[in-house]
Amino acid sequence: MLVGVLVTFLVVILVLYLVNMLPMDGRAKQIARVIVIIIGIVSLLKYLAVF
């Protein structure tokens, strides 16, 4: 279980890094970051059997 949570966390960090590298304006990057963080939190909660 711990490995799955760690992998999910690392994937979220990697996606946030890649979003930061995209050539977009600041507002679009901020929206993309918020979406990625929300998806990551929901994924972690599902993995921890909260939902």
N, C-alpha and C. Protein backbone atom coordinates (compact mmCIF):
# COMPACT_ATOMS: atom_id res chain seq x y z
N MET A 1 0.83 -1.19 0.00
CA MET A 1 0.00 0.00 0.00
C MET A 1 0.88 1.26 0.00
N LEU A 2 1.93 1.24 0.79
CA LEU A 2 2.81 2.39 0.89
C LEU A 2 3.50 2.68 -0.43
N VAL A 3 3.85 1.62 -1.16
CA VAL A 3 4.50 1.79 -2.46
C VAL A 3 3.56 2.47 -3.45
N GLY A 4 2.31 2.09 -3.44
CA GLY A 4 1.33 2.70 -4.34
C GLY A 4 1.12 4.17 -4.05
N VAL A 5 1.08 4.53 -2.77
CA VAL A 5 0.93 5.93 -2.39
C VAL A 5 2.15 6.72 -2.83
N LEU A 6 3.33 6.14 -2.63
CA LEU A 6 4.58 6.80 -3.03
C LEU A 6 4.65 7.00 -4.54
N VAL A 7 4.26 5.99 -5.30
CA VAL A 7 4.26 6.10 -6.76
C VAL A 7 3.28 7.17 -7.22
N THR A 8 2.10 7.22 -6.63
CA THR A 8 1.12 8.24 -6.98
C THR A 8 1.65 9.63 -6.69
N PHE A 9 2.28 9.79 -5.53
CA PHE A 9 2.86 11.07 -5.14
C PHE A 9 3.96 11.49 -6.12
N LEU A 10 4.81 10.56 -6.51
CA LEU A 10 5.89 10.87 -7.46
C LEU A 10 5.35 11.22 -8.84
N VAL A 11 4.30 10.55 -9.27
CA VAL A 11 3.69 10.86 -10.56
C VAL A 11 3.10 12.26 -10.55
N VAL A 12 2.44 12.64 -9.46
CA VAL A 12 1.87 13.99 -9.35
C VAL A 12 2.98 15.03 -9.41
N ILE A 13 4.08 14.79 -8.70
CA ILE A 13 5.20 15.74 -8.73
C ILE A 13 5.79 15.84 -10.13
N LEU A 14 5.94 14.70 -10.81
CA LEU A 14 6.48 14.70 -12.17
C LEU A 14 5.56 15.47 -13.12
N VAL A 15 4.26 15.26 -13.03
CA VAL A 15 3.32 15.97 -13.90
C VAL A 15 3.34 17.47 -13.61
N LEU A 16 3.44 17.85 -12.33
CA LEU A 16 3.53 19.27 -11.99
C LEU A 16 4.80 19.89 -12.58
N TYR A 17 5.90 19.15 -12.54
CA TYR A 17 7.15 19.64 -13.14
C TYR A 17 6.99 19.81 -14.65
N LEU A 18 6.36 18.84 -15.30
CA LEU A 18 6.17 18.93 -16.75
C LEU A 18 5.22 20.06 -17.13
N VAL A 19 4.20 20.30 -16.33
CA VAL A 19 3.30 21.42 -16.57
C VAL A 19 4.05 22.73 -16.46
N ASN A 20 4.95 22.79 -15.50
CA ASN A 20 5.74 24.01 -15.30
C ASN A 20 6.66 24.28 -16.49
N MET A 21 7.07 23.23 -17.21
CA MET A 21 7.97 23.39 -18.34
C MET A 21 7.23 23.75 -19.64
N LEU A 22 5.92 23.64 -19.65
CA LEU A 22 5.16 23.94 -20.86
C LEU A 22 5.18 25.43 -21.17
N PRO A 23 5.24 25.77 -22.45
CA PRO A 23 5.23 27.20 -22.82
C PRO A 23 3.81 27.78 -22.86
N MET A 24 3.25 28.01 -21.69
CA MET A 24 1.91 28.59 -21.58
C MET A 24 1.99 29.84 -20.72
N ASP A 25 0.93 30.63 -20.75
CA ASP A 25 0.91 31.82 -19.89
C ASP A 25 0.67 31.40 -18.43
N GLY A 26 0.87 32.31 -17.51
CA GLY A 26 0.80 32.00 -16.10
C GLY A 26 -0.54 31.51 -15.63
N ARG A 27 -1.61 32.09 -16.16
CA ARG A 27 -2.97 31.71 -15.73
C ARG A 27 -3.27 30.26 -16.13
N ALA A 28 -2.90 29.87 -17.33
CA ALA A 28 -3.15 28.50 -17.79
C ALA A 28 -2.33 27.50 -16.99
N LYS A 29 -1.09 27.86 -16.65
CA LYS A 29 -0.26 26.98 -15.83
C LYS A 29 -0.88 26.81 -14.45
N GLN A 30 -1.40 27.89 -13.89
CA GLN A 30 -2.00 27.81 -12.56
C GLN A 30 -3.23 26.90 -12.58
N ILE A 31 -4.05 27.03 -13.60
CA ILE A 31 -5.24 26.18 -13.72
C ILE A 31 -4.82 24.72 -13.88
N ALA A 32 -3.80 24.46 -14.71
CA ALA A 32 -3.33 23.09 -14.91
C ALA A 32 -2.77 22.51 -13.61
N ARG A 33 -2.04 23.32 -12.85
CA ARG A 33 -1.50 22.85 -11.57
C ARG A 33 -2.61 22.48 -10.60
N VAL A 34 -3.64 23.31 -10.52
CA VAL A 34 -4.75 23.03 -9.61
C VAL A 34 -5.46 21.75 -10.02
N ILE A 35 -5.67 21.54 -11.29
CA ILE A 35 -6.34 20.32 -11.78
C ILE A 35 -5.51 19.09 -11.44
N VAL A 36 -4.19 19.17 -11.66
CA VAL A 36 -3.31 18.04 -11.37
C VAL A 36 -3.31 17.73 -9.87
N ILE A 37 -3.27 18.76 -9.03
CA ILE A 37 -3.27 18.54 -7.59
C ILE A 37 -4.59 17.92 -7.13
N ILE A 38 -5.71 18.39 -7.66
CA ILE A 38 -7.01 17.82 -7.29
C ILE A 38 -7.10 16.36 -7.71
N ILE A 39 -6.66 16.05 -8.93
CA ILE A 39 -6.68 14.66 -9.39
C ILE A 39 -5.77 13.79 -8.52
N GLY A 40 -4.61 14.32 -8.15
CA GLY A 40 -3.69 13.58 -7.29
C GLY A 40 -4.28 13.30 -5.92
N ILE A 41 -4.94 14.29 -5.33
CA ILE A 41 -5.54 14.10 -4.01
C ILE A 41 -6.67 13.08 -4.08
N VAL A 42 -7.50 13.17 -5.10
CA VAL A 42 -8.59 12.20 -5.25
C VAL A 42 -8.03 10.80 -5.46
N SER A 43 -6.96 10.69 -6.24
CA SER A 43 -6.34 9.39 -6.47
C SER A 43 -5.78 8.81 -5.17
N LEU A 44 -5.11 9.65 -4.39
CA LEU A 44 -4.59 9.16 -3.11
C LEU A 44 -5.70 8.75 -2.16
N LEU A 45 -6.78 9.51 -2.13
CA LEU A 45 -7.90 9.16 -1.25
C LEU A 45 -8.56 7.86 -1.69
N LYS A 46 -8.68 7.65 -3.00
CA LYS A 46 -9.23 6.38 -3.47
C LYS A 46 -8.30 5.23 -3.13
N TYR A 47 -6.99 5.46 -3.25
CA TYR A 47 -6.04 4.39 -2.95
C TYR A 47 -6.05 4.05 -1.46
N LEU A 48 -6.27 5.04 -0.62
CA LEU A 48 -6.33 4.81 0.82
C LEU A 48 -7.71 4.34 1.28
N ALA A 49 -8.61 4.08 0.33
CA ALA A 49 -9.95 3.56 0.59
C ALA A 49 -10.81 4.51 1.41
N VAL A 50 -10.65 5.81 1.18
CA VAL A 50 -11.50 6.79 1.84
C VAL A 50 -12.83 6.89 1.11
N PHE A 51 -12.77 6.78 -0.22
CA PHE A 51 -14.02 6.85 -1.02
C PHE A 51 -14.56 5.46 -1.22
